[in-house]
Amino acid sequence: MWILLILLLVVWACLSVFGFLVEGLLWLAVVGIVLFVATAVVGLLRGRAATKE
């Protein structure tokens, strides 16, 4: 599970950087940032839930 989470975070970060580098793809950067934050939040919540059990 953690490997998938880390892989997704890397992919979203790369999409964000690529979106900022290519001027016409600013929307890709915004989508990448939103997905990065969402994935990080889900990972944190699942990690905390697993440690409580």
PDB file of N, CA and C in Angstrom:
ATOM      1  N   MET A   1       0.820  -1.187   0.000  1.00  0.00           N
ATOM      2  CA  MET A   1       0.000   0.000   0.000  1.00  0.00           C
ATOM      3  C   MET A   1       0.866   1.254   0.000  1.00  0.00           C
ATOM      4  N   TRP A   2       1.908   1.261   0.826  1.00  0.00           N
ATOM      5  CA  TRP A   2       2.770   2.444   0.907  1.00  0.00           C
ATOM      6  C   TRP A   2       3.538   2.669  -0.381  1.00  0.00           C
ATOM      7  N   ILE A   3       3.913   1.578  -1.054  1.00  0.00           N
ATOM      8  CA  ILE A   3       4.651   1.724  -2.312  1.00  0.00           C
ATOM      9  C   ILE A   3       3.759   2.387  -3.359  1.00  0.00           C
ATOM     10  N   LEU A   4       2.500   1.985  -3.416  1.00  0.00           N
ATOM     11  CA  LEU A   4       1.555   2.586  -4.351  1.00  0.00           C
ATOM     12  C   LEU A   4       1.345   4.057  -4.022  1.00  0.00           C
ATOM     13  N   LEU A   5       1.224   4.386  -2.756  1.00  0.00           N
ATOM     14  CA  LEU A   5       1.034   5.768  -2.333  1.00  0.00           C
ATOM     15  C   LEU A   5       2.231   6.628  -2.731  1.00  0.00           C
ATOM     16  N   ILE A   6       3.416   6.136  -2.483  1.00  0.00           N
ATOM     17  CA  ILE A   6       4.625   6.887  -2.841  1.00  0.00           C
ATOM     18  C   ILE A   6       4.741   7.040  -4.347  1.00  0.00           C
ATOM     19  N   LEU A   7       4.415   5.987  -5.088  1.00  0.00           N
ATOM     20  CA  LEU A   7       4.455   6.052  -6.549  1.00  0.00           C
ATOM     21  C   LEU A   7       3.481   7.108  -7.071  1.00  0.00           C
ATOM     22  N   LEU A   8       2.271   7.132  -6.525  1.00  0.00           N
ATOM     23  CA  LEU A   8       1.297   8.143  -6.935  1.00  0.00           C
ATOM     24  C   LEU A   8       1.770   9.557  -6.608  1.00  0.00           C
ATOM     25  N   LEU A   9       2.368   9.737  -5.446  1.00  0.00           N
ATOM     26  CA  LEU A   9       2.879  11.062  -5.084  1.00  0.00           C
ATOM     27  C   LEU A   9       3.972  11.522  -6.045  1.00  0.00           C
ATOM     28  N   VAL A  10       4.828  10.606  -6.447  1.00  0.00           N
ATOM     29  CA  VAL A  10       5.887  10.951  -7.399  1.00  0.00           C
ATOM     30  C   VAL A  10       5.298  11.318  -8.755  1.00  0.00           C
ATOM     31  N   VAL A  11       4.312  10.547  -9.200  1.00  0.00           N
ATOM     32  CA  VAL A  11       3.675  10.836 -10.491  1.00  0.00           C
ATOM     33  C   VAL A  11       2.995  12.200 -10.458  1.00  0.00           C
ATOM     34  N   TRP A  12       2.252  12.500  -9.395  1.00  0.00           N
ATOM     35  CA  TRP A  12       1.564  13.789  -9.313  1.00  0.00           C
ATOM     36  C   TRP A  12       2.574  14.935  -9.256  1.00  0.00           C
ATOM     37  N   ALA A  13       3.675  14.748  -8.547  1.00  0.00           N
ATOM     38  CA  ALA A  13       4.693  15.795  -8.473  1.00  0.00           C
ATOM     39  C   ALA A  13       5.318  16.036  -9.853  1.00  0.00           C
ATOM     40  N   CYS A  14       5.596  14.972 -10.591  1.00  0.00           N
ATOM     41  CA  CYS A  14       6.164  15.111 -11.936  1.00  0.00           C
ATOM     42  C   CYS A  14       5.186  15.816 -12.872  1.00  0.00           C
ATOM     43  N   LEU A  15       3.906  15.470 -12.793  1.00  0.00           N
ATOM     44  CA  LEU A  15       2.904  16.150 -13.623  1.00  0.00           C
ATOM     45  C   LEU A  15       2.829  17.632 -13.294  1.00  0.00           C
ATOM     46  N   SER A  16       2.928  17.973 -12.028  1.00  0.00           N
ATOM     47  CA  SER A  16       2.886  19.382 -11.628  1.00  0.00           C
ATOM     48  C   SER A  16       4.074  20.150 -12.180  1.00  0.00           C
ATOM     49  N   VAL A  17       5.254  19.582 -12.045  1.00  0.00           N
ATOM     50  CA  VAL A  17       6.461  20.249 -12.554  1.00  0.00           C
ATOM     51  C   VAL A  17       6.381  20.402 -14.071  1.00  0.00           C
ATOM     52  N   PHE A  18       5.946  19.354 -14.755  1.00  0.00           N
ATOM     53  CA  PHE A  18       5.815  19.415 -16.210  1.00  0.00           C
ATOM     54  C   PHE A  18       4.795  20.475 -16.614  1.00  0.00           C
ATOM     55  N   GLY A  19       3.709  20.567 -15.878  1.00  0.00           N
ATOM     56  CA  GLY A  19       2.688  21.572 -16.166  1.00  0.00           C
ATOM     57  C   GLY A  19       3.192  22.985 -15.986  1.00  0.00           C
ATOM     58  N   PHE A  20       4.056  23.211 -15.001  1.00  0.00           N
ATOM     59  CA  PHE A  20       4.624  24.543 -14.804  1.00  0.00           C
ATOM     60  C   PHE A  20       5.684  24.867 -15.852  1.00  0.00           C
ATOM     61  N   LEU A  21       6.408  23.857 -16.331  1.00  0.00           N
ATOM     62  CA  LEU A  21       7.447  24.091 -17.328  1.00  0.00           C
ATOM     63  C   LEU A  21       6.870  24.409 -18.700  1.00  0.00           C
ATOM     64  N   VAL A  22       5.796  23.749 -19.068  1.00  0.00           N
ATOM     65  CA  VAL A  22       5.158  23.991 -20.358  1.00  0.00           C
ATOM     66  C   VAL A  22       4.047  25.012 -20.127  1.00  0.00           C
ATOM     67  N   GLU A  23       4.193  26.168 -20.718  1.00  0.00           N
ATOM     68  CA  GLU A  23       3.314  27.298 -20.420  1.00  0.00           C
ATOM     69  C   GLU A  23       1.836  27.016 -20.715  1.00  0.00           C
ATOM     70  N   GLY A  24       1.540  26.263 -21.751  1.00  0.00           N
ATOM     71  CA  GLY A  24       0.156  25.990 -22.112  1.00  0.00           C
ATOM     72  C   GLY A  24      -0.499  24.922 -21.268  1.00  0.00           C
ATOM     73  N   LEU A  25       0.271  24.255 -20.435  1.00  0.00           N
ATOM     74  CA  LEU A  25      -0.270  23.157 -19.634  1.00  0.00           C
ATOM     75  C   LEU A  25      -0.372  23.509 -18.156  1.00  0.00           C
ATOM     76  N   LEU A  26      -0.718  24.741 -17.888  1.00  0.00           N
ATOM     77  CA  LEU A  26      -0.853  25.165 -16.493  1.00  0.00           C
ATOM     78  C   LEU A  26      -1.953  24.375 -15.790  1.00  0.00           C
ATOM     79  N   TRP A  27      -2.989  24.003 -16.519  1.00  0.00           N
ATOM     80  CA  TRP A  27      -4.068  23.200 -15.941  1.00  0.00           C
ATOM     81  C   TRP A  27      -3.545  21.864 -15.438  1.00  0.00           C
ATOM     82  N   LEU A  28      -2.525  21.311 -16.131  1.00  0.00           N
ATOM     83  CA  LEU A  28      -1.944  20.038 -15.703  1.00  0.00           C
ATOM     84  C   LEU A  28      -1.240  20.200 -14.357  1.00  0.00           C
ATOM     85  N   ALA A  29      -0.604  21.343 -14.157  1.00  0.00           N
ATOM     86  CA  ALA A  29       0.052  21.610 -12.881  1.00  0.00           C
ATOM     87  C   ALA A  29      -0.969  21.696 -11.754  1.00  0.00           C
ATOM     88  N   VAL A  30      -2.082  22.351 -12.025  1.00  0.00           N
ATOM     89  CA  VAL A  30      -3.119  22.491 -10.999  1.00  0.00           C
ATOM     90  C   VAL A  30      -3.707  21.120 -10.659  1.00  0.00           C
ATOM     91  N   VAL A  31      -3.996  20.317 -11.673  1.00  0.00           N
ATOM     92  CA  VAL A  31      -4.530  18.975 -11.439  1.00  0.00           C
ATOM     93  C   VAL A  31      -3.522  18.129 -10.660  1.00  0.00           C
ATOM     94  N   GLY A  32      -2.248  18.236 -11.025  1.00  0.00           N
ATOM     95  CA  GLY A  32      -1.207  17.484 -10.325  1.00  0.00           C
ATOM     96  C   GLY A  32      -1.106  17.861  -8.862  1.00  0.00           C
ATOM     97  N   ILE A  33      -1.199  19.146  -8.570  1.00  0.00           N
ATOM     98  CA  ILE A  33      -1.118  19.607  -7.179  1.00  0.00           C
ATOM     99  C   ILE A  33      -2.326  19.111  -6.380  1.00  0.00           C
ATOM    100  N   VAL A  34      -3.512  19.215  -6.975  1.00  0.00           N
ATOM    101  CA  VAL A  34      -4.724  18.761  -6.285  1.00  0.00           C
ATOM    102  C   VAL A  34      -4.649  17.261  -6.000  1.00  0.00           C
ATOM    103  N   LEU A  35      -4.230  16.481  -6.984  1.00  0.00           N
ATOM    104  CA  LEU A  35      -4.125  15.035  -6.791  1.00  0.00           C
ATOM    105  C   LEU A  35      -3.029  14.677  -5.788  1.00  0.00           C
ATOM    106  N   PHE A  36      -1.931  15.434  -5.783  1.00  0.00           N
ATOM    107  CA  PHE A  36      -0.850  15.200  -4.824  1.00  0.00           C
ATOM    108  C   PHE A  36      -1.363  15.400  -3.400  1.00  0.00           C
ATOM    109  N   VAL A  37      -2.057  16.503  -3.183  1.00  0.00           N
ATOM    110  CA  VAL A  37      -2.577  16.802  -1.840  1.00  0.00           C
ATOM    111  C   VAL A  37      -3.618  15.762  -1.428  1.00  0.00           C
ATOM    112  N   ALA A  38      -4.504  15.396  -2.356  1.00  0.00           N
ATOM    113  CA  ALA A  38      -5.535  14.400  -2.033  1.00  0.00           C
ATOM    114  C   ALA A  38      -4.908  13.053  -1.685  1.00  0.00           C
ATOM    115  N   THR A  39      -3.907  12.642  -2.437  1.00  0.00           N
ATOM    116  CA  THR A  39      -3.245  11.369  -2.167  1.00  0.00           C
ATOM    117  C   THR A  39      -2.521  11.406  -0.825  1.00  0.00           C
ATOM    118  N   ALA A  40      -1.878  12.519  -0.526  1.00  0.00           N
ATOM    119  CA  ALA A  40      -1.173  12.647   0.753  1.00  0.00           C
ATOM    120  C   ALA A  40      -2.151  12.593   1.925  1.00  0.00           C
ATOM    121  N   VAL A  41      -3.287  13.250   1.795  1.00  0.00           N
ATOM    122  CA  VAL A  41      -4.280  13.252   2.867  1.00  0.00           C
ATOM    123  C   VAL A  41      -4.843  11.849   3.080  1.00  0.00           C
ATOM    124  N   VAL A  42      -5.177  11.169   1.990  1.00  0.00           N
ATOM    125  CA  VAL A  42      -5.700   9.802   2.104  1.00  0.00           C
ATOM    126  C   VAL A  42      -4.659   8.892   2.752  1.00  0.00           C
ATOM    127  N   GLY A  43      -3.418   9.033   2.348  1.00  0.00           N
ATOM    128  CA  GLY A  43      -2.355   8.214   2.940  1.00  0.00           C
ATOM    129  C   GLY A  43      -2.183   8.471   4.423  1.00  0.00           C
ATOM    130  N   LEU A  44      -2.242   9.732   4.812  1.00  0.00           N
ATOM    131  CA  LEU A  44      -2.109  10.063   6.233  1.00  0.00           C
ATOM    132  C   LEU A  44      -3.280   9.518   7.039  1.00  0.00           C
ATOM    133  N   LEU A  45      -4.481   9.657   6.511  1.00  0.00           N
ATOM    134  CA  LEU A  45      -5.657   9.165   7.235  1.00  0.00           C
ATOM    135  C   LEU A  45      -5.643   7.650   7.358  1.00  0.00           C
ATOM    136  N   ARG A  46      -5.261   6.965   6.309  1.00  0.00           N
ATOM    137  CA  ARG A  46      -5.193   5.499   6.379  1.00  0.00           C
ATOM    138  C   ARG A  46      -4.065   5.046   7.300  1.00  0.00           C
ATOM    139  N   GLY A  47      -2.962   5.778   7.304  1.00  0.00           N
ATOM    140  CA  GLY A  47      -1.857   5.424   8.186  1.00  0.00           C
ATOM    141  C   GLY A  47      -2.228   5.594   9.640  1.00  0.00           C
ATOM    142  N   ARG A  48      -2.952   6.657   9.950  1.00  0.00           N
ATOM    143  CA  ARG A  48      -3.380   6.887  11.328  1.00  0.00           C
ATOM    144  C   ARG A  48      -4.428   5.869  11.757  1.00  0.00           C
ATOM    145  N   ALA A  49      -5.319   5.497  10.836  1.00  0.00           N
ATOM    146  CA  ALA A  49      -6.345   4.516  11.155  1.00  0.00           C
ATOM    147  C   ALA A  49      -5.726   3.143  11.403  1.00  0.00           C
ATOM    148  N   ALA A  50      -4.669   2.814  10.657  1.00  0.00           N
ATOM    149  CA  ALA A  50      -4.013   1.510  10.822  1.00  0.00           C
ATOM    150  C   ALA A  50      -3.265   1.430  12.150  1.00  0.00           C
ATOM    151  N   THR A  51      -2.720   2.561  12.608  1.00  0.00           N
ATOM    152  CA  THR A  51      -1.966   2.533  13.864  1.00  0.00           C
ATOM    153  C   THR A  51      -2.880   2.507  15.080  1.00  0.00           C
ATOM    154  N   LYS A  52      -4.133   2.957  14.934  1.00  0.00           N
ATOM    155  CA  LYS A  52      -5.074   2.940  16.046  1.00  0.00           C
ATOM    156  C   LYS A  52      -5.622   1.550  16.323  1.00  0.00           C
ATOM    157  N   GLU A  53      -5.616   0.696  15.306  1.00  0.00           N
ATOM    158  CA  GLU A  53      -6.184  -0.648  15.473  1.00  0.00           C
ATOM    159  C   GLU A  53      -5.299  -1.561  16.219  1.00  0.00           C
TER     160      GLU A  53
END
